[in-house]
C-alpha atoms as a PDB file:
ATOM      1  CA  MET A   1       0.354 -24.767  23.913  1.00  0.00           C
ATOM      2  CA  THR A   2       1.466 -24.003  20.568  1.00  0.00           C
ATOM      3  CA  SER A   3      -2.698 -24.054  19.253  1.00  0.00           C
ATOM      4  CA  SER A   4      -2.107 -20.460  20.944  1.00  0.00           C
ATOM      5  CA  ILE A   5       0.599 -18.479  19.179  1.00  0.00           C
ATOM      6  CA  SER A   6      -0.806 -16.917  15.605  1.00  0.00           C
ATOM      7  CA  ILE A   7       1.061 -17.362  12.299  1.00  0.00           C
ATOM      8  CA  HIS A   8      -1.289 -16.513   9.891  1.00  0.00           C
ATOM      9  CA  PRO A   9      -5.192 -15.546  10.510  1.00  0.00           C
ATOM     10  CA  LEU A  10      -5.384 -17.939   7.345  1.00  0.00           C
ATOM     11  CA  LEU A  11      -4.104 -20.592   8.787  1.00  0.00           C
ATOM     12  CA  ASP A  12      -3.535 -20.540  12.094  1.00  0.00           C
ATOM     13  CA  LYS A  13      -7.511 -22.535  11.085  1.00  0.00           C
ATOM     14  CA  GLY A  14      -5.222 -25.137   9.655  1.00  0.00           C
ATOM     15  CA  VAL A  15      -3.501 -24.853   6.303  1.00  0.00           C
ATOM     16  CA  SER A  16      -6.603 -25.577   3.200  1.00  0.00           C
ATOM     17  CA  LYS A  17      -5.860 -27.624   0.687  1.00  0.00           C
ATOM     18  CA  SER A  18      -6.034 -26.050  -2.921  1.00  0.00           C
ATOM     19  CA  THR A  19      -8.632 -27.255  -5.959  1.00  0.00           C
ATOM     20  CA  ALA A  20      -6.692 -29.316  -9.267  1.00  0.00           C
ATOM     21  CA  ASP A  21      -8.081 -27.548 -11.355  1.00  0.00           C
ATOM     22  CA  PHE A  22      -7.026 -23.786  -9.972  1.00  0.00           C
ATOM     23  CA  SER A  23      -5.819 -22.170 -12.918  1.00  0.00           C
ATOM     24  CA  GLY A  24      -5.313 -18.264 -11.617  1.00  0.00           C
ATOM     25  CA  GLY A  25      -6.806 -15.670 -10.900  1.00  0.00           C
ATOM     26  CA  VAL A  26      -7.136 -11.737  -9.364  1.00  0.00           C
ATOM     27  CA  LEU A  27      -5.514 -10.432  -6.580  1.00  0.00           C
ATOM     28  CA  ILE A  28      -7.206  -7.654  -5.607  1.00  0.00           C
ATOM     29  CA  CYS A  29      -5.487  -4.928  -2.668  1.00  0.00           C
ATOM     30  CA  ALA A  30      -7.230  -3.973   0.398  1.00  0.00           C
ATOM     31  CA  CYS A  31      -8.554  -0.619  -0.003  1.00  0.00           C
ATOM     32  CA  THR A  32     -11.875  -0.188  -0.583  1.00  0.00           C
ATOM     33  CA  GLU A  33     -12.015   2.478  -3.080  1.00  0.00           C
ATOM     34  CA  ARG A  34     -10.081   2.230  -6.605  1.00  0.00           C
ATOM     35  CA  PRO A  35      -8.149  -0.748  -5.861  1.00  0.00           C
ATOM     36  CA  VAL A  36      -5.680  -2.034  -7.995  1.00  0.00           C
ATOM     37  CA  LYS A  37      -5.788  -5.207  -9.292  1.00  0.00           C
ATOM     38  CA  ILE A  38      -3.420  -8.181 -10.559  1.00  0.00           C
ATOM     39  CA  ARG A  39      -4.454 -11.767 -13.109  1.00  0.00           C
ATOM     40  CA  VAL A  40      -2.192 -14.836 -12.715  1.00  0.00           C
ATOM     41  CA  GLU A  41      -2.735 -16.659 -15.396  1.00  0.00           C
ATOM     42  CA  GLY A  42      -2.092 -19.907 -14.662  1.00  0.00           C
ATOM     43  CA  ALA A  43      -1.596 -22.465 -11.423  1.00  0.00           C
ATOM     44  CA  ILE A  44       0.987 -20.853  -8.643  1.00  0.00           C
ATOM     45  CA  ALA A  45       4.141 -22.671  -7.239  1.00  0.00           C
ATOM     46  CA  HIS A  46       6.088 -22.907  -3.252  1.00  0.00           C
ATOM     47  CA  ASN A  47       3.559 -20.924  -2.379  1.00  0.00           C
ATOM     48  CA  HIS A  48       5.242 -20.467   2.155  1.00  0.00           C
ATOM     49  CA  ALA A  49       4.060 -19.059   4.619  1.00  0.00           C
ATOM     50  CA  CYS A  50       7.574 -16.599   5.001  1.00  0.00           C
ATOM     51  CA  GLY A  51       9.235 -15.120   8.021  1.00  0.00           C
ATOM     52  CA  CYS A  52      11.144 -12.578   6.538  1.00  0.00           C
ATOM     53  CA  THR A  53      10.980  -8.421   7.472  1.00  0.00           C
ATOM     54  CA  LYS A  54      10.948  -7.530   3.665  1.00  0.00           C
ATOM     55  CA  CYS A  55       7.153  -9.302   3.025  1.00  0.00           C
ATOM     56  CA  TRP A  56       3.568  -8.089   3.642  1.00  0.00           C
ATOM     57  CA  LYS A  57       1.922  -9.612   6.186  1.00  0.00           C
ATOM     58  CA  PRO A  58      -1.930  -8.459   7.587  1.00  0.00           C
ATOM     59  CA  GLU A  59      -2.438  -6.870  10.278  1.00  0.00           C
ATOM     60  CA  GLY A  60      -1.866  -9.973  13.131  1.00  0.00           C
ATOM     61  CA  ALA A  61       0.718 -12.345  10.878  1.00  0.00           C
ATOM     62  CA  VAL A  62       4.022 -13.459  12.778  1.00  0.00           C
ATOM     63  CA  PHE A  63       4.692 -15.044   9.206  1.00  0.00           C
ATOM     64  CA  SER A  64       3.248 -13.785   5.241  1.00  0.00           C
ATOM     65  CA  MET A  65       2.442 -16.011   2.482  1.00  0.00           C
ATOM     66  CA  VAL A  66       3.951 -16.352  -0.250  1.00  0.00           C
ATOM     67  CA  ALA A  67       3.551 -17.787  -3.605  1.00  0.00           C
ATOM     68  CA  VAL A  68       6.001 -17.681  -6.870  1.00  0.00           C
ATOM     69  CA  ALA A  69       4.589 -17.037 -10.574  1.00  0.00           C
ATOM     70  CA  PRO A  70       6.082 -16.667 -13.898  1.00  0.00           C
ATOM     71  CA  HIS A  71       6.589 -13.061 -15.314  1.00  0.00           C
ATOM     72  CA  ASP A  72       4.591 -13.276 -18.681  1.00  0.00           C
ATOM     73  CA  LYS A  73       1.074 -14.367 -16.189  1.00  0.00           C
ATOM     74  CA  VAL A  74       1.354 -11.815 -14.290  1.00  0.00           C
ATOM     75  CA  SER A  75      -0.409  -7.687 -15.284  1.00  0.00           C
ATOM     76  CA  VAL A  76      -1.526  -5.037 -13.633  1.00  0.00           C
ATOM     77  CA  LEU A  77      -5.969  -4.854 -14.413  1.00  0.00           C
ATOM     78  CA  GLU A  78      -6.526  -1.987 -12.782  1.00  0.00           C
ATOM     79  CA  ASN A  79      -6.029   0.996 -10.653  1.00  0.00           C
ATOM     80  CA  GLY A  80      -2.124   0.180 -11.172  1.00  0.00           C
ATOM     81  CA  ASP A  81      -0.727   3.591 -11.221  1.00  0.00           C
ATOM     82  CA  LYS A  82      -1.486   3.645  -7.627  1.00  0.00           C
ATOM     83  CA  LEU A  83       1.949   1.253  -7.281  1.00  0.00           C
ATOM     84  CA  ALA A  84       5.534   2.351  -6.094  1.00  0.00           C
ATOM     85  CA  VAL A  85       8.645  -0.107  -5.888  1.00  0.00           C
ATOM     86  CA  VAL A  86       9.080  -0.484  -1.885  1.00  0.00           C
ATOM     87  CA  ASP A  87      12.600  -1.078  -1.945  1.00  0.00           C
ATOM     88  CA  PRO A  88      14.413   0.008  -5.457  1.00  0.00           C
ATOM     89  CA  SER A  89      17.960  -2.006  -4.072  1.00  0.00           C
ATOM     90  CA  ALA A  90      15.784  -5.499  -3.698  1.00  0.00           C
ATOM     91  CA  LEU A  91      16.645  -7.928  -5.538  1.00  0.00           C
ATOM     92  CA  ILE A  92      11.797  -8.430  -5.172  1.00  0.00           C
ATOM     93  CA  GLN A  93      10.929  -5.389  -6.480  1.00  0.00           C
ATOM     94  CA  ARG A  94       7.793  -5.356  -4.000  1.00  0.00           C
ATOM     95  CA  HIS A  95       5.302  -3.623  -5.899  1.00  0.00           C
ATOM     96  CA  ALA A  96       2.854  -1.656  -3.392  1.00  0.00           C
ATOM     97  CA  CYS A  97      -0.549   0.035  -3.557  1.00  0.00           C
ATOM     98  CA  THR A  98       0.440   3.566  -2.372  1.00  0.00           C
ATOM     99  CA  GLU A  99      -2.728   3.660  -0.086  1.00  0.00           C
ATOM    100  CA  CYS A 100      -3.015   0.676   1.593  1.00  0.00           C
ATOM    101  CA  GLY A 101      -0.157  -0.391   1.510  1.00  0.00           C
ATOM    102  CA  VAL A 102      -0.432  -4.119   0.246  1.00  0.00           C
ATOM    103  CA  HIS A 103       1.922  -5.526  -1.671  1.00  0.00           C
ATOM    104  CA  MET A 104       0.665  -6.911  -4.692  1.00  0.00           C
ATOM    105  CA  TYR A 105       3.827  -8.203  -7.083  1.00  0.00           C
ATOM    106  CA  GLY A 106       7.235  -7.996  -6.599  1.00  0.00           C
ATOM    107  CA  PRO A 107       9.642  -9.239  -9.838  1.00  0.00           C
ATOM    108  CA  VAL A 108      13.193 -10.715 -10.062  1.00  0.00           C
ATOM    109  CA  GLU A 109      15.001  -9.324 -12.573  1.00  0.00           C
ATOM    110  CA  ARG A 110      18.658  -9.169 -12.155  1.00  0.00           C
ATOM    111  CA  ASP A 111      20.775 -12.088 -13.110  1.00  0.00           C
ATOM    112  CA  HIS A 112      19.111 -14.610 -10.006  1.00  0.00           C
ATOM    113  CA  PRO A 113      17.592 -18.341  -9.788  1.00  0.00           C
ATOM    114  CA  PHE A 114      14.409 -16.595  -9.129  1.00  0.00           C
ATOM    115  CA  GLN A 115      14.767 -14.737 -12.974  1.00  0.00           C
ATOM    116  CA  GLY A 116      11.246 -14.478 -14.182  1.00  0.00           C
ATOM    117  CA  LEU A 117       9.675 -14.912 -10.907  1.00  0.00           C
ATOM    118  CA  ASP A 118       7.122 -12.387  -9.644  1.00  0.00           C
ATOM    119  CA  PHE A 119       6.173 -13.364  -5.691  1.00  0.00           C
ATOM    120  CA  ILE A 120       3.148 -12.499  -5.099  1.00  0.00           C
ATOM    121  CA  HIS A 121       0.965 -12.730  -1.508  1.00  0.00           C
ATOM    122  CA  PRO A 122      -1.922 -15.597  -2.800  1.00  0.00           C
ATOM    123  CA  GLU A 123      -4.525 -14.598  -0.278  1.00  0.00           C
ATOM    124  CA  ARG A 124      -5.150 -11.646  -1.846  1.00  0.00           C
ATOM    125  CA  PHE A 125      -6.831 -13.280  -5.197  1.00  0.00           C
ATOM    126  CA  GLN A 126      -9.999 -13.515  -5.044  1.00  0.00           C
ATOM    127  CA  GLU A 127     -10.867 -17.163  -5.622  1.00  0.00           C
ATOM    128  CA  SER A 128     -10.621 -19.706  -4.386  1.00  0.00           C
ATOM    129  CA  GLY A 129      -8.650 -23.142  -4.615  1.00  0.00           C
ATOM    130  CA  TRP A 130      -4.801 -21.833  -4.879  1.00  0.00           C
ATOM    131  CA  GLN A 131      -2.161 -23.985  -4.094  1.00  0.00           C
ATOM    132  CA  GLU A 132      -1.880 -24.591  -0.370  1.00  0.00           C
ATOM    133  CA  PRO A 133       1.820 -23.414   1.448  1.00  0.00           C
ATOM    134  CA  GLY A 134       3.870 -26.540   2.295  1.00  0.00           C
ATOM    135  CA  PHE A 135       6.691 -24.711   4.690  1.00  0.00           C
ATOM    136  CA  ALA A 136       7.743 -22.668   6.731  1.00  0.00           C
ATOM    137  CA  ALA A 137      11.078 -19.989   5.795  1.00  0.00           C
ATOM    138  CA  PHE A 138      13.068 -17.000   6.875  1.00  0.00           C
ATOM    139  CA  VAL A 139      11.136 -18.761  10.225  1.00  0.00           C
ATOM    140  CA  SER A 140      14.004 -17.771  13.011  1.00  0.00           C
ATOM    141  CA  SER A 141      13.849 -13.908  11.234  1.00  0.00           C
ATOM    142  CA  VAL A 142      10.214 -12.778  12.957  1.00  0.00           C
ATOM    143  CA  ILE A 143      12.489 -12.701  16.278  1.00  0.00           C
ATOM    144  CA  GLU A 144      13.255  -8.910  14.132  1.00  0.00           C
ATOM    145  CA  ALA A 145      10.204  -8.520  13.889  1.00  0.00           C
ATOM    146  CA  GLY A 146       9.659  -8.994  17.639  1.00  0.00           C
ATOM    147  CA  VAL A 147       9.047 -12.399  18.614  1.00  0.00           C
ATOM    148  CA  GLU A 148      10.523 -12.660  21.682  1.00  0.00           C
ATOM    149  CA  PRO A 149      13.530 -15.707  21.512  1.00  0.00           C
ATOM    150  CA  GLU A 150      11.827 -17.845  24.184  1.00  0.00           C
ATOM    151  CA  MET A 151       9.243 -17.886  22.498  1.00  0.00           C
ATOM    152  CA  MET A 152      10.504 -19.940  19.082  1.00  0.00           C
ATOM    153  CA  ASP A 153      10.236 -23.798  19.674  1.00  0.00           C
ATOM    154  CA  GLY A 154       6.494 -22.961  19.805  1.00  0.00           C
ATOM    155  CA  VAL A 155       6.586 -21.378  16.365  1.00  0.00           C
ATOM    156  CA  ARG A 156       8.834 -23.828  14.876  1.00  0.00           C
ATOM    157  CA  GLN A 157       6.204 -26.523  17.491  1.00  0.00           C
ATOM    158  CA  ARG A 158       2.960 -24.699  15.711  1.00  0.00           C
ATOM    159  CA  LEU A 159       4.767 -24.014  11.607  1.00  0.00           C
ATOM    160  CA  ASN A 160       4.847 -28.430  12.332  1.00  0.00           C
ATOM    161  CA  ASP A 161       1.144 -29.325  13.563  1.00  0.00           C
ATOM    162  CA  LEU A 162       0.181 -27.205  10.821  1.00  0.00           C
ATOM    163  CA  GLY A 163       1.813 -29.260   8.593  1.00  0.00           C
ATOM    164  CA  LEU A 164       4.782 -26.334   7.615  1.00  0.00           C
ATOM    165  CA  PRO A 165       8.348 -27.344   8.371  1.00  0.00           C
ATOM    166  CA  PRO A 166       9.894 -24.413   9.018  1.00  0.00           C
ATOM    167  CA  TYR A 167      13.631 -23.327   7.728  1.00  0.00           C
ATOM    168  CA  ASP A 168      15.566 -20.345   8.661  1.00  0.00           C
ATOM    169  CA  CYS A 169      16.105 -20.263   4.941  1.00  0.00           C
ATOM    170  CA  LEU A 170      14.082 -21.330   2.002  1.00  0.00           C
ATOM    171  CA  SER A 171      12.518 -25.722   1.560  1.00  0.00           C
ATOM    172  CA  PRO A 172      15.728 -28.318   0.794  1.00  0.00           C
ATOM    173  CA  GLY A 173      14.817 -28.342  -2.588  1.00  0.00           C
ATOM    174  CA  LEU A 174      14.860 -24.302  -3.859  1.00  0.00           C
ATOM    175  CA  MET A 175      18.441 -24.459  -1.663  1.00  0.00           C
ATOM    176  CA  ASP A 176      19.359 -27.044  -4.378  1.00  0.00           C
ATOM    177  CA  TYR A 177      17.915 -25.227  -7.077  1.00  0.00           C
ATOM    178  CA  ILE A 178      20.297 -21.587  -6.088  1.00  0.00           C
ATOM    179  CA  ALA A 179      23.183 -24.146  -5.603  1.00  0.00           C
ATOM    180  CA  SER A 180      22.781 -25.349  -8.495  1.00  0.00           C
ATOM    181  CA  TRP A 181      21.974 -22.740 -11.017  1.00  0.00           C
ATOM    182  CA  THR A 182      25.221 -21.325  -8.897  1.00  0.00           C
ATOM    183  CA  ALA A 183      27.574 -24.240  -9.557  1.00  0.00           C
ATOM    184  CA  GLN A 184      26.759 -23.886 -13.590  1.00  0.00           C
ATOM    185  CA  ARG A 185      27.610 -20.040 -13.897  1.00  0.00           C
ATOM    186  CA  ASN A 186      30.742 -21.068 -11.942  1.00  0.00           C
ATOM    187  CA  VAL A 187      32.020 -23.735 -14.344  1.00  0.00           C
ATOM    188  CA  LYS A 188      34.848 -22.642 -16.521  1.00  0.00           C
ATOM    189  CA  PRO A 189      34.881 -23.866 -20.008  1.00  0.00           C
ATOM    190  CA  ASN A 190      37.877 -25.874 -20.380  1.00  0.00           C
ATOM    191  CA  ASN A 191      40.556 -24.337 -23.029  1.00  0.00           C
END
């Protein structure tokens, strides 16, 4: 029975729809004392369930929930002294709370199609109505995190049942964007 396969605590109950008037909010870590707070101005984009082993996941989650926001629309409001970059060599510079471990934001700062975007975990918003996830990415990577390979057909079916088409990369639209960006970089000027 695929409904018994857990994906993410919020997604297992069904995907909540966004509201048209969501204009940003405050992300908060899991600390009860001096929580880190991050303001995100405006809407988020490309929200998805992610199976990679780098993203923060809440307890009991097989997938994380990840979206992006423009870097200039993300700012630390409170307790930024508790933040540290998880892996300085990674493309996404994930800033996590050193006490509770929640990844609060992750800018892409080097030359890349996603440069200028910050990756966030929208379930950390205090506000509701943010863009719902639209697909699942890096699905096979959950095997690296401990999901048994023979469970993968059920995992993919559960994602489809939730309306989250499963991909072992990003969604086709995002992959087309990356390929177009790369192709433009590789065009040699005529002499």
